[in-house]
Amino acid sequence: MSDVPDQPSPNRGDVAHFLTRLGISLVPGVGGAGVELFNALITPPVVIRRNEWLSKFLEELNKRVSNLEDVVENPQFVTAFLQALPMAVRTHQQEKRDALRNAVLNVALSQAPEETR
């Protein structure tokens, strides 16, 4: 088993975003600045997916945990969070993203099954 995480698979939105950036960069005189402006105005789909997952996760965590300092200092929580976030970004399936969020929340609440699972 490799320690290098898989990269997110590009979807149609990611490809369209890339091709648009590429097209803008080819315009003489405005290419570089145009790409930067495009990136500032249009968020790549994978970033949107990450932000949605984080937003829902933090909302749930704030509802369920009274002392966030204890949670963020818990090495099991940190490990679970750092493993779940890239996996949540790599999948388009909402059910998987929800399961990952719930698994990390269970670690934060000390209700998780054995550590290796």
PDB file of N, CA and C in Angstrom:
ATOM      1  N   MET A   1       0.849  -1.177   0.000  1.00  0.00           N
ATOM      2  CA  MET A   1       0.000   0.000   0.000  1.00  0.00           C
ATOM      3  C   MET A   1       0.889   1.232   0.000  1.00  0.00           C
ATOM      4  N   SER A   2       0.609   2.160  -0.862  1.00  0.00           N
ATOM      5  CA  SER A   2       1.414   3.362  -1.019  1.00  0.00           C
ATOM      6  C   SER A   2       1.001   4.430  -0.021  1.00  0.00           C
ATOM      7  N   ASP A   3       1.988   5.205   0.476  1.00  0.00           N
ATOM      8  CA  ASP A   3       1.709   6.307   1.379  1.00  0.00           C
ATOM      9  C   ASP A   3       1.351   7.578   0.619  1.00  0.00           C
ATOM     10  N   VAL A   4       1.482   7.556  -0.688  1.00  0.00           N
ATOM     11  CA  VAL A   4       1.168   8.725  -1.502  1.00  0.00           C
ATOM     12  C   VAL A   4      -0.316   8.693  -1.835  1.00  0.00           C
ATOM     13  N   PRO A   5      -1.078   9.721  -1.410  1.00  0.00           N
ATOM     14  CA  PRO A   5      -2.516   9.706  -1.693  1.00  0.00           C
ATOM     15  C   PRO A   5      -2.789   9.905  -3.178  1.00  0.00           C
ATOM     16  N   ASP A   6      -3.905   9.335  -3.620  1.00  0.00           N
ATOM     17  CA  ASP A   6      -4.333   9.532  -5.004  1.00  0.00           C
ATOM     18  C   ASP A   6      -4.729  10.978  -5.215  1.00  0.00           C
ATOM     19  N   GLN A   7      -4.513  11.461  -6.407  1.00  0.00           N
ATOM     20  CA  GLN A   7      -4.938  12.805  -6.763  1.00  0.00           C
ATOM     21  C   GLN A   7      -6.411  12.757  -7.145  1.00  0.00           C
ATOM     22  N   PRO A   8      -7.142  13.850  -6.914  1.00  0.00           N
ATOM     23  CA  PRO A   8      -8.543  13.871  -7.328  1.00  0.00           C
ATOM     24  C   PRO A   8      -8.664  13.670  -8.835  1.00  0.00           C
ATOM     25  N   SER A   9      -9.633  12.895  -9.232  1.00  0.00           N
ATOM     26  CA  SER A   9      -9.881  12.695 -10.659  1.00  0.00           C
ATOM     27  C   SER A   9     -10.618  13.908 -11.198  1.00  0.00           C
ATOM     28  N   PRO A  10     -10.145  14.457 -12.317  1.00  0.00           N
ATOM     29  CA  PRO A  10     -10.835  15.629 -12.864  1.00  0.00           C
ATOM     30  C   PRO A  10     -12.193  15.255 -13.438  1.00  0.00           C
ATOM     31  N   ASN A  11     -13.182  16.103 -13.180  1.00  0.00           N
ATOM     32  CA  ASN A  11     -14.491  15.898 -13.788  1.00  0.00           C
ATOM     33  C   ASN A  11     -14.650  16.905 -14.918  1.00  0.00           C
ATOM     34  N   ARG A  12     -15.816  16.965 -15.529  1.00  0.00           N
ATOM     35  CA  ARG A  12     -16.034  17.872 -16.665  1.00  0.00           C
ATOM     36  C   ARG A  12     -15.792  19.328 -16.284  1.00  0.00           C
ATOM     37  N   GLY A  13     -16.218  19.691 -15.101  1.00  0.00           N
ATOM     38  CA  GLY A  13     -16.021  21.066 -14.654  1.00  0.00           C
ATOM     39  C   GLY A  13     -14.547  21.410 -14.519  1.00  0.00           C
ATOM     40  N   ASP A  14     -13.763  20.462 -13.972  1.00  0.00           N
ATOM     41  CA  ASP A  14     -12.320  20.681 -13.834  1.00  0.00           C
ATOM     42  C   ASP A  14     -11.664  20.835 -15.201  1.00  0.00           C
ATOM     43  N   VAL A  15     -12.057  19.980 -16.142  1.00  0.00           N
ATOM     44  CA  VAL A  15     -11.484  20.030 -17.492  1.00  0.00           C
ATOM     45  C   VAL A  15     -11.867  21.341 -18.172  1.00  0.00           C
ATOM     46  N   ALA A  16     -13.125  21.749 -18.042  1.00  0.00           N
ATOM     47  CA  ALA A  16     -13.567  23.013 -18.641  1.00  0.00           C
ATOM     48  C   ALA A  16     -12.810  24.185 -18.037  1.00  0.00           C
ATOM     49  N   HIS A  17     -12.599  24.158 -16.734  1.00  0.00           N
ATOM     50  CA  HIS A  17     -11.860  25.219 -16.060  1.00  0.00           C
ATOM     51  C   HIS A  17     -10.431  25.276 -16.594  1.00  0.00           C
ATOM     52  N   PHE A  18      -9.792  24.119 -16.720  1.00  0.00           N
ATOM     53  CA  PHE A  18      -8.429  24.057 -17.240  1.00  0.00           C
ATOM     54  C   PHE A  18      -8.343  24.579 -18.674  1.00  0.00           C
ATOM     55  N   LEU A  19      -9.257  24.115 -19.521  1.00  0.00           N
ATOM     56  CA  LEU A  19      -9.227  24.520 -20.926  1.00  0.00           C
ATOM     57  C   LEU A  19      -9.487  26.023 -21.085  1.00  0.00           C
ATOM     58  N   THR A  20     -10.342  26.557 -20.257  1.00  0.00           N
ATOM     59  CA  THR A  20     -10.605  27.995 -20.312  1.00  0.00           C
ATOM     60  C   THR A  20      -9.356  28.771 -19.894  1.00  0.00           C
ATOM     61  N   ARG A  21      -8.712  28.325 -18.816  1.00  0.00           N
ATOM     62  CA  ARG A  21      -7.461  28.978 -18.390  1.00  0.00           C
ATOM     63  C   ARG A  21      -6.418  28.898 -19.493  1.00  0.00           C
ATOM     64  N   LEU A  22      -6.313  27.741 -20.124  1.00  0.00           N
ATOM     65  CA  LEU A  22      -5.353  27.557 -21.205  1.00  0.00           C
ATOM     66  C   LEU A  22      -5.657  28.507 -22.364  1.00  0.00           C
ATOM     67  N   GLY A  23      -6.913  28.597 -22.740  1.00  0.00           N
ATOM     68  CA  GLY A  23      -7.309  29.488 -23.827  1.00  0.00           C
ATOM     69  C   GLY A  23      -7.003  30.944 -23.517  1.00  0.00           C
ATOM     70  N   ILE A  24      -7.292  31.362 -22.296  1.00  0.00           N
ATOM     71  CA  ILE A  24      -7.011  32.743 -21.901  1.00  0.00           C
ATOM     72  C   ILE A  24      -5.513  33.007 -21.928  1.00  0.00           C
ATOM     73  N   SER A  25      -4.722  32.034 -21.498  1.00  0.00           N
ATOM     74  CA  SER A  25      -3.269  32.239 -21.436  1.00  0.00           C
ATOM     75  C   SER A  25      -2.649  32.410 -22.822  1.00  0.00           C
ATOM     76  N   LEU A  26      -3.334  31.952 -23.859  1.00  0.00           N
ATOM     77  CA  LEU A  26      -2.816  32.061 -25.219  1.00  0.00           C
ATOM     78  C   LEU A  26      -3.092  33.420 -25.874  1.00  0.00           C
ATOM     79  N   VAL A  27      -3.909  34.241 -25.231  1.00  0.00           N
ATOM     80  CA  VAL A  27      -4.240  35.555 -25.790  1.00  0.00           C
ATOM     81  C   VAL A  27      -3.042  36.484 -25.575  1.00  0.00           C
ATOM     82  N   PRO A  28      -2.455  36.977 -26.660  1.00  0.00           N
ATOM     83  CA  PRO A  28      -1.280  37.848 -26.530  1.00  0.00           C
ATOM     84  C   PRO A  28      -1.596  39.124 -25.749  1.00  0.00           C
ATOM     85  N   GLY A  29      -0.696  39.479 -24.857  1.00  0.00           N
ATOM     86  CA  GLY A  29      -0.818  40.719 -24.108  1.00  0.00           C
ATOM     87  C   GLY A  29      -1.656  40.652 -22.857  1.00  0.00           C
ATOM     88  N   VAL A  30      -2.591  39.719 -22.764  1.00  0.00           N
ATOM     89  CA  VAL A  30      -3.445  39.636 -21.568  1.00  0.00           C
ATOM     90  C   VAL A  30      -3.436  38.245 -20.941  1.00  0.00           C
ATOM     91  N   GLY A  31      -2.694  37.323 -21.525  1.00  0.00           N
ATOM     92  CA  GLY A  31      -2.731  35.925 -21.093  1.00  0.00           C
ATOM     93  C   GLY A  31      -2.538  35.708 -19.605  1.00  0.00           C
ATOM     94  N   GLY A  32      -1.396  36.138 -19.072  1.00  0.00           N
ATOM     95  CA  GLY A  32      -1.099  35.893 -17.655  1.00  0.00           C
ATOM     96  C   GLY A  32      -2.075  36.581 -16.728  1.00  0.00           C
ATOM     97  N   ALA A  33      -2.315  37.851 -16.969  1.00  0.00           N
ATOM     98  CA  ALA A  33      -3.248  38.602 -16.130  1.00  0.00           C
ATOM     99  C   ALA A  33      -4.673  38.075 -16.288  1.00  0.00           C
ATOM    100  N   GLY A  34      -5.017  37.688 -17.498  1.00  0.00           N
ATOM    101  CA  GLY A  34      -6.350  37.146 -17.739  1.00  0.00           C
ATOM    102  C   GLY A  34      -6.599  35.853 -16.989  1.00  0.00           C
ATOM    103  N   VAL A  35      -5.593  34.995 -16.962  1.00  0.00           N
ATOM    104  CA  VAL A  35      -5.718  33.726 -16.224  1.00  0.00           C
ATOM    105  C   VAL A  35      -5.877  34.001 -14.731  1.00  0.00           C
ATOM    106  N   GLU A  36      -5.091  34.931 -14.206  1.00  0.00           N
ATOM    107  CA  GLU A  36      -5.194  35.256 -12.777  1.00  0.00           C
ATOM    108  C   GLU A  36      -6.569  35.825 -12.448  1.00  0.00           C
ATOM    109  N   LEU A  37      -7.090  36.685 -13.304  1.00  0.00           N
ATOM    110  CA  LEU A  37      -8.427  37.229 -13.090  1.00  0.00           C
ATOM    111  C   LEU A  37      -9.475  36.121 -13.150  1.00  0.00           C
ATOM    112  N   PHE A  38      -9.356  35.227 -14.129  1.00  0.00           N
ATOM    113  CA  PHE A  38     -10.285  34.101 -14.247  1.00  0.00           C
ATOM    114  C   PHE A  38     -10.251  33.242 -12.985  1.00  0.00           C
ATOM    115  N   ASN A  39      -9.042  32.929 -12.501  1.00  0.00           N
ATOM    116  CA  ASN A  39      -8.912  32.117 -11.287  1.00  0.00           C
ATOM    117  C   ASN A  39      -9.526  32.803 -10.074  1.00  0.00           C
ATOM    118  N   ALA A  40      -9.423  34.130 -10.023  1.00  0.00           N
ATOM    119  CA  ALA A  40      -9.991  34.870  -8.893  1.00  0.00           C
ATOM    120  C   ALA A  40     -11.520  34.894  -8.952  1.00  0.00           C
ATOM    121  N   LEU A  41     -12.077  34.872 -10.155  1.00  0.00           N
ATOM    122  CA  LEU A  41     -13.525  34.985 -10.305  1.00  0.00           C
ATOM    123  C   LEU A  41     -14.247  33.645 -10.355  1.00  0.00           C
ATOM    124  N   ILE A  42     -13.591  32.616 -10.901  1.00  0.00           N
ATOM    125  CA  ILE A  42     -14.224  31.310 -11.083  1.00  0.00           C
ATOM    126  C   ILE A  42     -13.486  30.267 -10.251  1.00  0.00           C
ATOM    127  N   THR A  43     -14.167  29.695  -9.287  1.00  0.00           N
ATOM    128  CA  THR A  43     -13.570  28.697  -8.413  1.00  0.00           C
ATOM    129  C   THR A  43     -13.583  27.331  -9.089  1.00  0.00           C
ATOM    130  N   PRO A  44     -12.428  26.641  -9.106  1.00  0.00           N
ATOM    131  CA  PRO A  44     -12.407  25.292  -9.686  1.00  0.00           C
ATOM    132  C   PRO A  44     -13.365  24.348  -8.939  1.00  0.00           C
ATOM    133  N   PRO A  45     -14.014  23.436  -9.636  1.00  0.00           N
ATOM    134  CA  PRO A  45     -14.974  22.519  -9.013  1.00  0.00           C
ATOM    135  C   PRO A  45     -14.410  21.718  -7.839  1.00  0.00           C
ATOM    136  N   VAL A  46     -13.156  21.306  -7.911  1.00  0.00           N
ATOM    137  CA  VAL A  46     -12.592  20.511  -6.817  1.00  0.00           C
ATOM    138  C   VAL A  46     -12.469  21.361  -5.547  1.00  0.00           C
ATOM    139  N   VAL A  47     -12.222  22.647  -5.697  1.00  0.00           N
ATOM    140  CA  VAL A  47     -12.149  23.542  -4.541  1.00  0.00           C
ATOM    141  C   VAL A  47     -13.540  23.737  -3.944  1.00  0.00           C
ATOM    142  N   ILE A  48     -14.537  23.828  -4.810  1.00  0.00           N
ATOM    143  CA  ILE A  48     -15.917  23.942  -4.326  1.00  0.00           C
ATOM    144  C   ILE A  48     -16.290  22.710  -3.515  1.00  0.00           C
ATOM    145  N   ARG A  49     -15.933  21.528  -4.013  1.00  0.00           N
ATOM    146  CA  ARG A  49     -16.235  20.273  -3.314  1.00  0.00           C
ATOM    147  C   ARG A  49     -15.567  20.247  -1.941  1.00  0.00           C
ATOM    148  N   ARG A  50     -14.296  20.657  -1.889  1.00  0.00           N
ATOM    149  CA  ARG A  50     -13.569  20.703  -0.620  1.00  0.00           C
ATOM    150  C   ARG A  50     -14.224  21.670   0.351  1.00  0.00           C
ATOM    151  N   ASN A  51     -14.567  22.856  -0.125  1.00  0.00           N
ATOM    152  CA  ASN A  51     -15.158  23.872   0.739  1.00  0.00           C
ATOM    153  C   ASN A  51     -16.521  23.441   1.272  1.00  0.00           C
ATOM    154  N   GLU A  52     -17.325  22.782   0.441  1.00  0.00           N
ATOM    155  CA  GLU A  52     -18.625  22.288   0.897  1.00  0.00           C
ATOM    156  C   GLU A  52     -18.457  21.245   1.994  1.00  0.00           C
ATOM    157  N   TRP A  53     -17.510  20.317   1.807  1.00  0.00           N
ATOM    158  CA  TRP A  53     -17.284  19.269   2.800  1.00  0.00           C
ATOM    159  C   TRP A  53     -16.825  19.890   4.119  1.00  0.00           C
ATOM    160  N   LEU A  54     -15.871  20.810   4.034  1.00  0.00           N
ATOM    161  CA  LEU A  54     -15.361  21.461   5.244  1.00  0.00           C
ATOM    162  C   LEU A  54     -16.447  22.256   5.954  1.00  0.00           C
ATOM    163  N   SER A  55     -17.251  22.962   5.199  1.00  0.00           N
ATOM    164  CA  SER A  55     -18.310  23.771   5.785  1.00  0.00           C
ATOM    165  C   SER A  55     -19.304  22.910   6.558  1.00  0.00           C
ATOM    166  N   LYS A  56     -19.764  21.820   5.935  1.00  0.00           N
ATOM    167  CA  LYS A  56     -20.705  20.923   6.608  1.00  0.00           C
ATOM    168  C   LYS A  56     -20.060  20.265   7.824  1.00  0.00           C
ATOM    169  N   PHE A  57     -18.788  19.880   7.677  1.00  0.00           N
ATOM    170  CA  PHE A  57     -18.086  19.242   8.782  1.00  0.00           C
ATOM    171  C   PHE A  57     -17.981  20.195   9.971  1.00  0.00           C
ATOM    172  N   LEU A  58     -17.539  21.421   9.731  1.00  0.00           N
ATOM    173  CA  LEU A  58     -17.362  22.389  10.825  1.00  0.00           C
ATOM    174  C   LEU A  58     -18.693  22.757  11.465  1.00  0.00           C
ATOM    175  N   GLU A  59     -19.733  22.839  10.672  1.00  0.00           N
ATOM    176  CA  GLU A  59     -21.063  23.129  11.211  1.00  0.00           C
ATOM    177  C   GLU A  59     -21.506  22.026  12.172  1.00  0.00           C
ATOM    178  N   GLU A  60     -21.348  20.773  11.743  1.00  0.00           N
ATOM    179  CA  GLU A  60     -21.715  19.631  12.586  1.00  0.00           C
ATOM    180  C   GLU A  60     -20.835  19.558  13.832  1.00  0.00           C
ATOM    181  N   LEU A  61     -19.549  19.783  13.654  1.00  0.00           N
ATOM    182  CA  LEU A  61     -18.616  19.726  14.787  1.00  0.00           C
ATOM    183  C   LEU A  61     -18.979  20.767  15.833  1.00  0.00           C
ATOM    184  N   ASN A  62     -19.292  21.977  15.406  1.00  0.00           N
ATOM    185  CA  ASN A  62     -19.674  23.034  16.343  1.00  0.00           C
ATOM    186  C   ASN A  62     -20.953  22.710  17.091  1.00  0.00           C
ATOM    187  N   LYS A  63     -21.885  22.004  16.438  1.00  0.00           N
ATOM    188  CA  LYS A  63     -23.136  21.609  17.088  1.00  0.00           C
ATOM    189  C   LYS A  63     -22.905  20.559  18.174  1.00  0.00           C
ATOM    190  N   ARG A  64     -21.962  19.644  17.923  1.00  0.00           N
ATOM    191  CA  ARG A  64     -21.828  18.461  18.769  1.00  0.00           C
ATOM    192  C   ARG A  64     -20.732  18.518  19.824  1.00  0.00           C
ATOM    193  N   VAL A  65     -19.776  19.419  19.670  1.00  0.00           N
ATOM    194  CA  VAL A  65     -18.625  19.445  20.575  1.00  0.00           C
ATOM    195  C   VAL A  65     -18.628  20.743  21.363  1.00  0.00           C
ATOM    196  N   SER A  66     -18.455  20.624  22.670  1.00  0.00           N
ATOM    197  CA  SER A  66     -18.452  21.823  23.507  1.00  0.00           C
ATOM    198  C   SER A  66     -17.063  22.456  23.610  1.00  0.00           C
ATOM    199  N   ASN A  67     -16.004  21.650  23.580  1.00  0.00           N
ATOM    200  CA  ASN A  67     -14.653  22.184  23.719  1.00  0.00           C
ATOM    201  C   ASN A  67     -13.818  21.798  22.500  1.00  0.00           C
ATOM    202  N   LEU A  68     -13.701  22.722  21.550  1.00  0.00           N
ATOM    203  CA  LEU A  68     -12.962  22.443  20.325  1.00  0.00           C
ATOM    204  C   LEU A  68     -11.462  22.279  20.562  1.00  0.00           C
ATOM    205  N   GLU A  69     -10.931  22.918  21.596  1.00  0.00           N
ATOM    206  CA  GLU A  69      -9.494  22.796  21.873  1.00  0.00           C
ATOM    207  C   GLU A  69      -9.099  21.355  22.152  1.00  0.00           C
ATOM    208  N   ASP A  70      -9.930  20.647  22.919  1.00  0.00           N
ATOM    209  CA  ASP A  70      -9.631  19.241  23.212  1.00  0.00           C
ATOM    210  C   ASP A  70      -9.647  18.402  21.939  1.00  0.00           C
ATOM    211  N   VAL A  71     -10.568  18.716  21.056  1.00  0.00           N
ATOM    212  CA  VAL A  71     -10.702  17.944  19.817  1.00  0.00           C
ATOM    213  C   VAL A  71      -9.485  18.143  18.932  1.00  0.00           C
ATOM    214  N   VAL A  72      -9.089  19.388  18.692  1.00  0.00           N
ATOM    215  CA  VAL A  72      -7.986  19.637  17.770  1.00  0.00           C
ATOM    216  C   VAL A  72      -6.637  19.211  18.335  1.00  0.00           C
ATOM    217  N   GLU A  73      -6.551  18.996  19.633  1.00  0.00           N
ATOM    218  CA  GLU A  73      -5.320  18.492  20.239  1.00  0.00           C
ATOM    219  C   GLU A  73      -5.288  16.967  20.296  1.00  0.00           C
ATOM    220  N   ASN A  74      -6.371  16.320  19.902  1.00  0.00           N
ATOM    221  CA  ASN A  74      -6.465  14.868  19.907  1.00  0.00           C
ATOM    222  C   ASN A  74      -5.768  14.326  18.654  1.00  0.00           C
ATOM    223  N   PRO A  75      -4.657  13.589  18.805  1.00  0.00           N
ATOM    224  CA  PRO A  75      -3.938  13.098  17.627  1.00  0.00           C
ATOM    225  C   PRO A  75      -4.763  12.145  16.767  1.00  0.00           C
ATOM    226  N   GLN A  76      -5.677  11.398  17.371  1.00  0.00           N
ATOM    227  CA  GLN A  76      -6.528  10.501  16.583  1.00  0.00           C
ATOM    228  C   GLN A  76      -7.470  11.310  15.689  1.00  0.00           C
ATOM    229  N   PHE A  77      -7.997  12.408  16.218  1.00  0.00           N
ATOM    230  CA  PHE A  77      -8.853  13.276  15.417  1.00  0.00           C
ATOM    231  C   PHE A  77      -8.068  13.890  14.263  1.00  0.00           C
ATOM    232  N   VAL A  78      -6.882  14.402  14.553  1.00  0.00           N
ATOM    233  CA  VAL A  78      -6.051  15.037  13.525  1.00  0.00           C
ATOM    234  C   VAL A  78      -5.750  14.037  12.412  1.00  0.00           C
ATOM    235  N   THR A  79      -5.377  12.819  12.787  1.00  0.00           N
ATOM    236  CA  THR A  79      -5.082  11.785  11.793  1.00  0.00           C
ATOM    237  C   THR A  79      -6.314  11.474  10.949  1.00  0.00           C
ATOM    238  N   ALA A  80      -7.449  11.274  11.603  1.00  0.00           N
ATOM    239  CA  ALA A  80      -8.684  10.948  10.874  1.00  0.00           C
ATOM    240  C   ALA A  80      -9.076  12.089   9.934  1.00  0.00           C
ATOM    241  N   PHE A  81      -8.980  13.321  10.413  1.00  0.00           N
ATOM    242  CA  PHE A  81      -9.344  14.469   9.587  1.00  0.00           C
ATOM    243  C   PHE A  81      -8.435  14.587   8.369  1.00  0.00           C
ATOM    244  N   LEU A  82      -7.120  14.443   8.594  1.00  0.00           N
ATOM    245  CA  LEU A  82      -6.162  14.587   7.493  1.00  0.00           C
ATOM    246  C   LEU A  82      -6.274  13.463   6.467  1.00  0.00           C
ATOM    247  N   GLN A  83      -6.771  12.319   6.880  1.00  0.00           N
ATOM    248  CA  GLN A  83      -6.990  11.227   5.927  1.00  0.00           C
ATOM    249  C   GLN A  83      -8.328  11.366   5.215  1.00  0.00           C
ATOM    250  N   ALA A  84      -9.340  11.877   5.906  1.00  0.00           N
ATOM    251  CA  ALA A  84     -10.681  11.954   5.326  1.00  0.00           C
ATOM    252  C   ALA A  84     -10.830  13.085   4.317  1.00  0.00           C
ATOM    253  N   LEU A  85     -10.208  14.212   4.572  1.00  0.00           N
ATOM    254  CA  LEU A  85     -10.402  15.363   3.688  1.00  0.00           C
ATOM    255  C   LEU A  85     -10.008  15.073   2.238  1.00  0.00           C
ATOM    256  N   PRO A  86      -8.802  14.550   1.968  1.00  0.00           N
ATOM    257  CA  PRO A  86      -8.477  14.273   0.557  1.00  0.00           C
ATOM    258  C   PRO A  86      -9.380  13.200  -0.059  1.00  0.00           C
ATOM    259  N   MET A  87      -9.813  12.240   0.748  1.00  0.00           N
ATOM    260  CA  MET A  87     -10.715  11.217   0.207  1.00  0.00           C
ATOM    261  C   MET A  87     -12.068  11.833  -0.144  1.00  0.00           C
ATOM    262  N   ALA A  88     -12.545  12.758   0.673  1.00  0.00           N
ATOM    263  CA  ALA A  88     -13.824  13.417   0.401  1.00  0.00           C
ATOM    264  C   ALA A  88     -13.741  14.262  -0.858  1.00  0.00           C
ATOM    265  N   VAL A  89     -12.596  14.882  -1.086  1.00  0.00           N
ATOM    266  CA  VAL A  89     -12.412  15.702  -2.278  1.00  0.00           C
ATOM    267  C   VAL A  89     -12.340  14.831  -3.526  1.00  0.00           C
ATOM    268  N   ARG A  90     -11.812  13.628  -3.401  1.00  0.00           N
ATOM    269  CA  ARG A  90     -11.607  12.753  -4.561  1.00  0.00           C
ATOM    270  C   ARG A  90     -12.865  12.047  -5.028  1.00  0.00           C
ATOM    271  N   THR A  91     -13.943  12.101  -4.269  1.00  0.00           N
ATOM    272  CA  THR A  91     -15.144  11.377  -4.686  1.00  0.00           C
ATOM    273  C   THR A  91     -16.281  12.331  -5.028  1.00  0.00           C
ATOM    274  N   HIS A  92     -17.043  11.962  -6.045  1.00  0.00           N
ATOM    275  CA  HIS A  92     -18.215  12.747  -6.415  1.00  0.00           C
ATOM    276  C   HIS A  92     -19.460  12.252  -5.673  1.00  0.00           C
ATOM    277  N   GLN A  93     -19.353  11.104  -5.006  1.00  0.00           N
ATOM    278  CA  GLN A  93     -20.512  10.479  -4.379  1.00  0.00           C
ATOM    279  C   GLN A  93     -20.797  11.116  -3.019  1.00  0.00           C
ATOM    280  N   GLN A  94     -21.957  11.743  -2.927  1.00  0.00           N
ATOM    281  CA  GLN A  94     -22.348  12.431  -1.696  1.00  0.00           C
ATOM    282  C   GLN A  94     -22.396  11.474  -0.509  1.00  0.00           C
ATOM    283  N   GLU A  95     -22.847  10.255  -0.731  1.00  0.00           N
ATOM    284  CA  GLU A  95     -22.945   9.275   0.355  1.00  0.00           C
ATOM    285  C   GLU A  95     -21.568   8.984   0.969  1.00  0.00           C
ATOM    286  N   LYS A  96     -20.550   8.879   0.137  1.00  0.00           N
ATOM    287  CA  LYS A  96     -19.193   8.650   0.639  1.00  0.00           C
ATOM    288  C   LYS A  96     -18.687   9.857   1.407  1.00  0.00           C
ATOM    289  N   ARG A  97     -18.961  11.056   0.897  1.00  0.00           N
ATOM    290  CA  ARG A  97     -18.517  12.262   1.600  1.00  0.00           C
ATOM    291  C   ARG A  97     -19.202  12.366   2.960  1.00  0.00           C
ATOM    292  N   ASP A  98     -20.486  12.025   3.012  1.00  0.00           N
ATOM    293  CA  ASP A  98     -21.210  12.037   4.286  1.00  0.00           C
ATOM    294  C   ASP A  98     -20.627  11.011   5.259  1.00  0.00           C
ATOM    295  N   ALA A  99     -20.305   9.821   4.756  1.00  0.00           N
ATOM    296  CA  ALA A  99     -19.740   8.773   5.618  1.00  0.00           C
ATOM    297  C   ALA A  99     -18.382   9.206   6.171  1.00  0.00           C
ATOM    298  N   LEU A 100     -17.569   9.820   5.347  1.00  0.00           N
ATOM    299  CA  LEU A 100     -16.269  10.297   5.816  1.00  0.00           C
ATOM    300  C   LEU A 100     -16.436  11.377   6.879  1.00  0.00           C
ATOM    301  N   ARG A 101     -17.368  12.292   6.641  1.00  0.00           N
ATOM    302  CA  ARG A 101     -17.618  13.345   7.624  1.00  0.00           C
ATOM    303  C   ARG A 101     -18.080  12.743   8.954  1.00  0.00           C
ATOM    304  N   ASN A 102     -18.988  11.782   8.888  1.00  0.00           N
ATOM    305  CA  ASN A 102     -19.484  11.142  10.110  1.00  0.00           C
ATOM    306  C   ASN A 102     -18.391  10.363  10.829  1.00  0.00           C
ATOM    307  N   ALA A 103     -17.508   9.723  10.080  1.00  0.00           N
ATOM    308  CA  ALA A 103     -16.412   8.979  10.704  1.00  0.00           C
ATOM    309  C   ALA A 103     -15.500   9.919  11.489  1.00  0.00           C
ATOM    310  N   VAL A 104     -15.171  11.060  10.919  1.00  0.00           N
ATOM    311  CA  VAL A 104     -14.300  12.012  11.617  1.00  0.00           C
ATOM    312  C   VAL A 104     -15.037  12.615  12.807  1.00  0.00           C
ATOM    313  N   LEU A 105     -16.319  12.889  12.655  1.00  0.00           N
ATOM    314  CA  LEU A 105     -17.095  13.402  13.788  1.00  0.00           C
ATOM    315  C   LEU A 105     -17.125  12.396  14.927  1.00  0.00           C
ATOM    316  N   ASN A 106     -17.243  11.111  14.600  1.00  0.00           N
ATOM    317  CA  ASN A 106     -17.236  10.081  15.642  1.00  0.00           C
ATOM    318  C   ASN A 106     -15.902  10.032  16.376  1.00  0.00           C
ATOM    319  N   VAL A 107     -14.815  10.261  15.667  1.00  0.00           N
ATOM    320  CA  VAL A 107     -13.512  10.322  16.332  1.00  0.00           C
ATOM    321  C   VAL A 107     -13.479  11.536  17.256  1.00  0.00           C
ATOM    322  N   ALA A 108     -13.990  12.671  16.796  1.00  0.00           N
ATOM    323  CA  ALA A 108     -14.017  13.879  17.616  1.00  0.00           C
ATOM    324  C   ALA A 108     -14.849  13.686  18.872  1.00  0.00           C
ATOM    325  N   LEU A 109     -15.898  12.884  18.765  1.00  0.00           N
ATOM    326  CA  LEU A 109     -16.780  12.630  19.903  1.00  0.00           C
ATOM    327  C   LEU A 109     -16.338  11.418  20.715  1.00  0.00           C
ATOM    328  N   SER A 110     -15.202  10.853  20.350  1.00  0.00           N
ATOM    329  CA  SER A 110     -14.662   9.646  21.005  1.00  0.00           C
ATOM    330  C   SER A 110     -15.630   8.480  20.920  1.00  0.00           C
ATOM    331  N   GLN A 111     -16.332   8.379  19.801  1.00  0.00           N
ATOM    332  CA  GLN A 111     -17.269   7.277  19.590  1.00  0.00           C
ATOM    333  C   GLN A 111     -16.853   6.411  18.413  1.00  0.00           C
ATOM    334  N   ALA A 112     -15.612   6.548  18.006  1.00  0.00           N
ATOM    335  CA  ALA A 112     -15.147   5.822  16.826  1.00  0.00           C
ATOM    336  C   ALA A 112     -14.847   4.370  17.163  1.00  0.00           C
ATOM    337  N   PRO A 113     -14.979   3.477  16.172  1.00  0.00           N
ATOM    338  CA  PRO A 113     -14.538   2.109  16.390  1.00  0.00           C
ATOM    339  C   PRO A 113     -13.016   2.063  16.509  1.00  0.00           C
ATOM    340  N   GLU A 114     -12.464   0.895  16.603  1.00  0.00           N
ATOM    341  CA  GLU A 114     -11.020   0.777  16.785  1.00  0.00           C
ATOM    342  C   GLU A 114     -10.257   1.649  15.795  1.00  0.00           C
ATOM    343  N   GLU A 115      -9.089   2.109  16.221  1.00  0.00           N
ATOM    344  CA  GLU A 115      -8.324   3.098  15.474  1.00  0.00           C
ATOM    345  C   GLU A 115      -7.970   2.674  14.057  1.00  0.00           C
ATOM    346  N   THR A 116      -7.646   1.423  13.852  1.00  0.00           N
ATOM    347  CA  THR A 116      -7.197   0.987  12.537  1.00  0.00           C
ATOM    348  C   THR A 116      -8.318   0.980  11.509  1.00  0.00           C
ATOM    349  N   ARG A 117      -9.564   0.893  11.915  1.00  0.00           N
ATOM    350  CA  ARG A 117     -10.696   0.922  10.978  1.00  0.00           C
ATOM    351  C   ARG A 117     -10.856   2.299  10.436  1.00  0.00           C
TER     352      ARG A 117
END
